[in-house]
């Protein structure tokens, strides 16, 4: 008597192919993210010398359309301040240090 192996289910492919983005759309979104980040980074670089000495290691949330920024020891609090003042805007967070990186590798 031989044992038969159970038949594995066939792969279905993408369930929602209409949600797949074209390479052009992906490239467009990446370019928009780059422009947004550069605008935020410019504001961060401008205010960094003012705050790095007394607030080293704190977080800064930048909203580039208004030029507003919000600083706190906790990244969640800085982000919350940005969301309260600009509820429909996207912001970018940096750390007040030499690189602006917020995490560890």
N, C-alpha and C. Protein backbone atom coordinates (compact mmCIF):
# COMPACT_ATOMS: atom_id res chain seq x y z
N UNK A 1 0.84 -1.17 0.00
CA UNK A 1 0.00 0.00 0.00
C UNK A 1 0.89 1.24 0.00
N UNK A 2 0.65 2.14 -0.91
CA UNK A 2 1.47 3.34 -1.00
C UNK A 2 0.69 4.53 -0.44
N UNK A 3 1.45 5.41 0.16
CA UNK A 3 0.83 6.62 0.69
C UNK A 3 0.84 7.68 -0.39
N UNK A 4 -0.25 8.31 -0.57
CA UNK A 4 -0.27 9.40 -1.54
C UNK A 4 -0.06 10.72 -0.80
N UNK A 5 0.70 11.57 -1.41
CA UNK A 5 0.94 12.88 -0.79
C UNK A 5 -0.26 13.77 -1.06
N UNK A 6 -0.64 14.56 -0.09
CA UNK A 6 -1.78 15.44 -0.32
C UNK A 6 -1.45 16.45 -1.42
N UNK A 7 -2.41 16.70 -2.22
CA UNK A 7 -2.22 17.63 -3.33
C UNK A 7 -2.18 19.06 -2.77
N UNK A 8 -1.14 19.79 -3.14
CA UNK A 8 -1.03 21.17 -2.64
C UNK A 8 -2.00 22.05 -3.43
N UNK A 9 -2.54 23.04 -2.77
CA UNK A 9 -3.49 23.91 -3.47
C UNK A 9 -2.79 24.70 -4.57
N UNK A 10 -3.48 24.96 -5.63
CA UNK A 10 -2.89 25.73 -6.72
C UNK A 10 -2.83 27.19 -6.32
N UNK A 11 -1.80 27.86 -6.80
CA UNK A 11 -1.64 29.29 -6.49
C UNK A 11 -2.62 30.09 -7.33
N UNK A 12 -3.17 31.11 -6.70
CA UNK A 12 -4.19 31.89 -7.37
C UNK A 12 -3.66 33.15 -8.04
N UNK A 13 -2.44 33.50 -7.82
CA UNK A 13 -1.94 34.76 -8.37
C UNK A 13 -2.43 35.93 -7.54
N UNK A 14 -2.40 37.10 -8.11
CA UNK A 14 -2.86 38.28 -7.38
C UNK A 14 -4.37 38.26 -7.26
N UNK A 15 -4.86 38.49 -6.08
CA UNK A 15 -6.30 38.45 -5.84
C UNK A 15 -6.96 39.71 -6.40
N UNK A 16 -6.29 40.87 -6.28
CA UNK A 16 -6.85 42.14 -6.76
C UNK A 16 -5.92 42.76 -7.80
N UNK A 17 -5.87 42.24 -9.01
CA UNK A 17 -4.94 42.79 -10.01
C UNK A 17 -5.22 44.25 -10.35
N UNK A 18 -6.44 44.72 -10.14
CA UNK A 18 -6.74 46.13 -10.42
C UNK A 18 -6.05 47.07 -9.45
N UNK A 19 -5.56 46.55 -8.34
CA UNK A 19 -4.84 47.37 -7.37
C UNK A 19 -3.33 47.39 -7.62
N UNK A 20 -2.87 46.66 -8.60
CA UNK A 20 -1.45 46.65 -8.95
C UNK A 20 -1.09 47.95 -9.65
N UNK A 21 -0.04 48.59 -9.18
CA UNK A 21 0.39 49.86 -9.77
C UNK A 21 1.38 49.62 -10.90
N UNK A 22 1.28 50.44 -11.90
CA UNK A 22 2.20 50.33 -13.03
C UNK A 22 3.58 50.83 -12.62
N UNK A 23 4.61 50.42 -13.34
CA UNK A 23 5.96 50.93 -13.03
C UNK A 23 6.03 52.46 -13.14
N UNK A 24 5.28 53.04 -14.06
CA UNK A 24 5.28 54.51 -14.20
C UNK A 24 4.68 55.16 -12.97
N UNK A 25 3.58 54.59 -12.46
CA UNK A 25 2.93 55.15 -11.26
C UNK A 25 3.84 55.00 -10.05
N UNK A 26 4.50 53.86 -9.93
CA UNK A 26 5.44 53.66 -8.82
C UNK A 26 6.59 54.68 -8.89
N UNK A 27 7.12 54.93 -10.07
CA UNK A 27 8.20 55.90 -10.24
C UNK A 27 7.72 57.31 -9.91
N UNK A 28 6.51 57.64 -10.32
CA UNK A 28 5.93 58.96 -10.02
C UNK A 28 5.79 59.16 -8.52
N UNK A 29 5.27 58.14 -7.83
CA UNK A 29 5.10 58.25 -6.37
C UNK A 29 6.44 58.35 -5.65
N UNK A 30 7.43 57.63 -6.11
CA UNK A 30 8.76 57.71 -5.52
C UNK A 30 9.35 59.11 -5.70
N UNK A 31 9.18 59.69 -6.88
CA UNK A 31 9.67 61.05 -7.15
C UNK A 31 8.96 62.06 -6.25
N UNK A 32 7.66 61.89 -6.06
CA UNK A 32 6.92 62.79 -5.17
C UNK A 32 7.40 62.68 -3.73
N UNK A 33 7.70 61.44 -3.29
CA UNK A 33 8.23 61.25 -1.93
C UNK A 33 9.58 61.93 -1.77
N UNK A 34 10.42 61.83 -2.80
CA UNK A 34 11.74 62.47 -2.76
C UNK A 34 11.62 63.98 -2.64
N UNK A 35 10.74 64.58 -3.42
CA UNK A 35 10.53 66.03 -3.37
C UNK A 35 10.03 66.44 -1.99
N UNK A 36 9.06 65.68 -1.46
CA UNK A 36 8.52 65.97 -0.13
C UNK A 36 9.62 65.90 0.93
N UNK A 37 10.43 64.84 0.88
CA UNK A 37 11.49 64.67 1.87
C UNK A 37 12.53 65.79 1.77
N UNK A 38 12.86 66.21 0.56
CA UNK A 38 13.83 67.30 0.40
C UNK A 38 13.30 68.60 0.98
N UNK A 39 12.01 68.86 0.81
CA UNK A 39 11.41 70.07 1.40
C UNK A 39 11.47 70.03 2.92
N UNK A 40 11.17 68.86 3.49
CA UNK A 40 11.23 68.70 4.95
C UNK A 40 12.67 68.81 5.44
N UNK A 41 13.58 68.17 4.71
CA UNK A 41 15.00 68.18 5.11
C UNK A 41 15.57 69.59 5.11
N UNK A 42 15.15 70.43 4.16
CA UNK A 42 15.63 71.81 4.10
C UNK A 42 15.24 72.58 5.37
N UNK A 43 14.01 72.38 5.83
CA UNK A 43 13.56 73.04 7.07
C UNK A 43 14.34 72.49 8.26
N UNK A 44 14.54 71.18 8.30
CA UNK A 44 15.32 70.56 9.38
C UNK A 44 16.73 71.12 9.42
N UNK A 45 17.40 71.20 8.27
CA UNK A 45 18.77 71.72 8.21
C UNK A 45 18.84 73.18 8.65
N UNK A 46 17.80 73.94 8.34
CA UNK A 46 17.78 75.36 8.70
C UNK A 46 17.68 75.56 10.22
N UNK A 47 16.87 74.76 10.91
CA UNK A 47 16.65 74.96 12.35
C UNK A 47 17.58 74.12 13.22
N UNK A 48 18.28 73.17 12.64
CA UNK A 48 19.16 72.27 13.41
C UNK A 48 20.18 73.01 14.28
N UNK A 49 20.92 73.99 13.75
CA UNK A 49 21.92 74.65 14.60
C UNK A 49 21.31 75.35 15.82
N UNK A 50 20.08 75.79 15.70
CA UNK A 50 19.41 76.49 16.80
C UNK A 50 19.06 75.55 17.96
N UNK A 51 18.78 74.28 17.68
CA UNK A 51 18.27 73.37 18.70
C UNK A 51 19.19 72.22 19.08
N UNK A 52 20.19 71.91 18.29
CA UNK A 52 20.97 70.69 18.53
C UNK A 52 21.70 70.71 19.87
N UNK A 53 22.19 71.85 20.30
CA UNK A 53 22.95 71.89 21.55
C UNK A 53 22.08 71.62 22.77
N UNK A 54 20.93 72.25 22.86
CA UNK A 54 20.08 72.11 24.05
C UNK A 54 19.06 70.98 23.95
N UNK A 55 18.83 70.47 22.75
CA UNK A 55 17.82 69.43 22.57
C UNK A 55 18.37 68.23 21.79
N UNK A 56 19.62 67.92 21.99
CA UNK A 56 20.25 66.82 21.26
C UNK A 56 19.51 65.51 21.54
N UNK A 57 19.20 64.79 20.47
CA UNK A 57 18.52 63.51 20.61
C UNK A 57 17.00 63.62 20.64
N UNK A 58 16.46 64.82 20.70
CA UNK A 58 15.01 65.00 20.66
C UNK A 58 14.54 64.79 19.23
N UNK A 59 13.24 64.81 19.04
CA UNK A 59 12.64 64.60 17.72
C UNK A 59 12.00 65.89 17.23
N UNK A 60 11.99 66.04 15.92
CA UNK A 60 11.36 67.20 15.30
C UNK A 60 10.47 66.69 14.16
N UNK A 61 9.20 67.11 14.21
CA UNK A 61 8.24 66.77 13.16
C UNK A 61 8.06 68.02 12.31
N UNK A 62 8.29 67.89 11.01
CA UNK A 62 8.28 69.04 10.09
C UNK A 62 7.08 68.93 9.16
N UNK A 63 6.34 70.03 9.03
CA UNK A 63 5.24 70.12 8.06
C UNK A 63 5.70 71.11 7.00
N UNK A 64 6.06 70.66 5.80
CA UNK A 64 6.75 71.52 4.84
C UNK A 64 5.89 72.61 4.19
N UNK A 65 4.59 72.42 4.06
CA UNK A 65 3.76 73.43 3.40
C UNK A 65 3.71 74.73 4.20
N UNK A 66 3.60 74.62 5.52
CA UNK A 66 3.54 75.80 6.37
C UNK A 66 4.92 76.21 6.88
N UNK A 67 5.85 75.26 6.89
CA UNK A 67 7.17 75.52 7.46
C UNK A 67 7.20 75.32 8.97
N UNK A 68 6.08 74.86 9.54
CA UNK A 68 6.01 74.62 10.98
C UNK A 68 6.79 73.37 11.35
N UNK A 69 7.32 73.38 12.57
CA UNK A 69 7.99 72.20 13.10
C UNK A 69 7.69 72.10 14.58
N UNK A 70 7.73 70.88 15.09
CA UNK A 70 7.33 70.60 16.46
C UNK A 70 8.38 69.70 17.08
N UNK A 71 8.86 70.08 18.25
CA UNK A 71 9.99 69.40 18.90
C UNK A 71 9.53 68.80 20.22
N UNK A 72 9.98 67.56 20.49
CA UNK A 72 9.71 66.93 21.77
C UNK A 72 10.70 65.79 21.98
N UNK A 73 10.84 65.37 23.25
CA UNK A 73 11.71 64.23 23.56
C UNK A 73 11.17 62.94 22.97
N UNK A 74 9.85 62.85 22.86
CA UNK A 74 9.18 61.64 22.38
C UNK A 74 8.68 61.87 20.95
N UNK A 75 9.01 60.95 20.05
CA UNK A 75 8.62 61.10 18.65
C UNK A 75 7.10 61.11 18.50
N UNK A 76 6.41 60.34 19.32
CA UNK A 76 4.94 60.30 19.24
C UNK A 76 4.33 61.64 19.63
N UNK A 77 4.89 62.29 20.64
CA UNK A 77 4.37 63.58 21.08
C UNK A 77 4.63 64.63 20.01
N UNK A 78 5.82 64.64 19.42
CA UNK A 78 6.13 65.60 18.35
C UNK A 78 5.20 65.39 17.16
N UNK A 79 4.95 64.13 16.81
CA UNK A 79 4.04 63.84 15.69
C UNK A 79 2.62 64.24 16.04
N UNK A 80 2.20 64.02 17.27
CA UNK A 80 0.85 64.39 17.69
C UNK A 80 0.66 65.90 17.63
N UNK A 81 1.67 66.66 18.04
CA UNK A 81 1.60 68.12 17.95
C UNK A 81 1.41 68.56 16.49
N UNK A 82 2.14 67.91 15.59
CA UNK A 82 2.02 68.24 14.17
C UNK A 82 0.62 67.90 13.65
N UNK A 83 0.09 66.75 14.07
CA UNK A 83 -1.25 66.34 13.62
C UNK A 83 -2.33 67.25 14.18
N UNK A 84 -2.14 67.74 15.41
CA UNK A 84 -3.14 68.62 16.01
C UNK A 84 -3.22 69.95 15.25
N UNK A 85 -2.08 70.50 14.90
CA UNK A 85 -2.09 71.79 14.21
C UNK A 85 -2.43 71.64 12.73
N UNK A 86 -1.99 70.56 12.12
CA UNK A 86 -2.21 70.32 10.69
C UNK A 86 -2.81 68.92 10.52
N UNK A 87 -4.10 68.76 10.81
CA UNK A 87 -4.69 67.41 10.82
C UNK A 87 -4.74 66.72 9.46
N UNK A 88 -4.76 67.46 8.38
CA UNK A 88 -4.87 66.83 7.06
C UNK A 88 -3.55 66.84 6.29
N UNK A 89 -2.48 67.21 6.94
CA UNK A 89 -1.18 67.31 6.27
C UNK A 89 -0.29 66.13 6.67
N UNK A 90 0.63 65.81 5.79
CA UNK A 90 1.64 64.79 6.08
C UNK A 90 2.87 65.51 6.62
N UNK A 91 3.50 64.93 7.62
CA UNK A 91 4.72 65.51 8.16
C UNK A 91 5.84 64.48 8.12
N UNK A 92 7.04 64.96 8.36
CA UNK A 92 8.22 64.11 8.32
C UNK A 92 8.97 64.29 9.65
N UNK A 93 9.44 63.21 10.24
CA UNK A 93 10.13 63.28 11.52
C UNK A 93 11.63 63.06 11.35
N UNK A 94 12.39 63.85 12.10
CA UNK A 94 13.84 63.72 12.15
C UNK A 94 14.25 63.71 13.61
N UNK A 95 15.50 63.34 13.85
CA UNK A 95 16.06 63.42 15.19
C UNK A 95 17.08 64.53 15.20
N UNK A 96 17.11 65.28 16.27
CA UNK A 96 18.06 66.39 16.38
C UNK A 96 19.44 65.82 16.73
N UNK A 97 20.15 65.40 15.69
CA UNK A 97 21.52 64.92 15.80
C UNK A 97 22.23 65.26 14.50
N UNK A 98 23.43 64.75 14.33
CA UNK A 98 24.24 65.11 13.16
C UNK A 98 23.62 64.63 11.84
N UNK A 99 22.92 63.50 11.87
CA UNK A 99 22.39 62.94 10.63
C UNK A 99 20.89 63.13 10.45
N UNK A 100 20.16 63.30 11.53
CA UNK A 100 18.70 63.41 11.45
C UNK A 100 18.02 62.06 11.49
N UNK A 101 18.79 60.98 11.56
CA UNK A 101 18.21 59.63 11.57
C UNK A 101 17.45 59.40 12.88
N UNK A 102 16.28 58.75 12.75
CA UNK A 102 15.45 58.55 13.93
C UNK A 102 15.60 57.18 14.57
N UNK A 103 16.20 56.22 13.88
CA UNK A 103 16.31 54.87 14.43
C UNK A 103 17.73 54.37 14.42
N UNK A 104 17.86 53.08 14.73
CA UNK A 104 19.17 52.44 14.72
C UNK A 104 19.20 51.38 13.64
N UNK A 105 20.38 51.13 13.14
CA UNK A 105 20.56 50.07 12.16
C UNK A 105 21.23 48.89 12.84
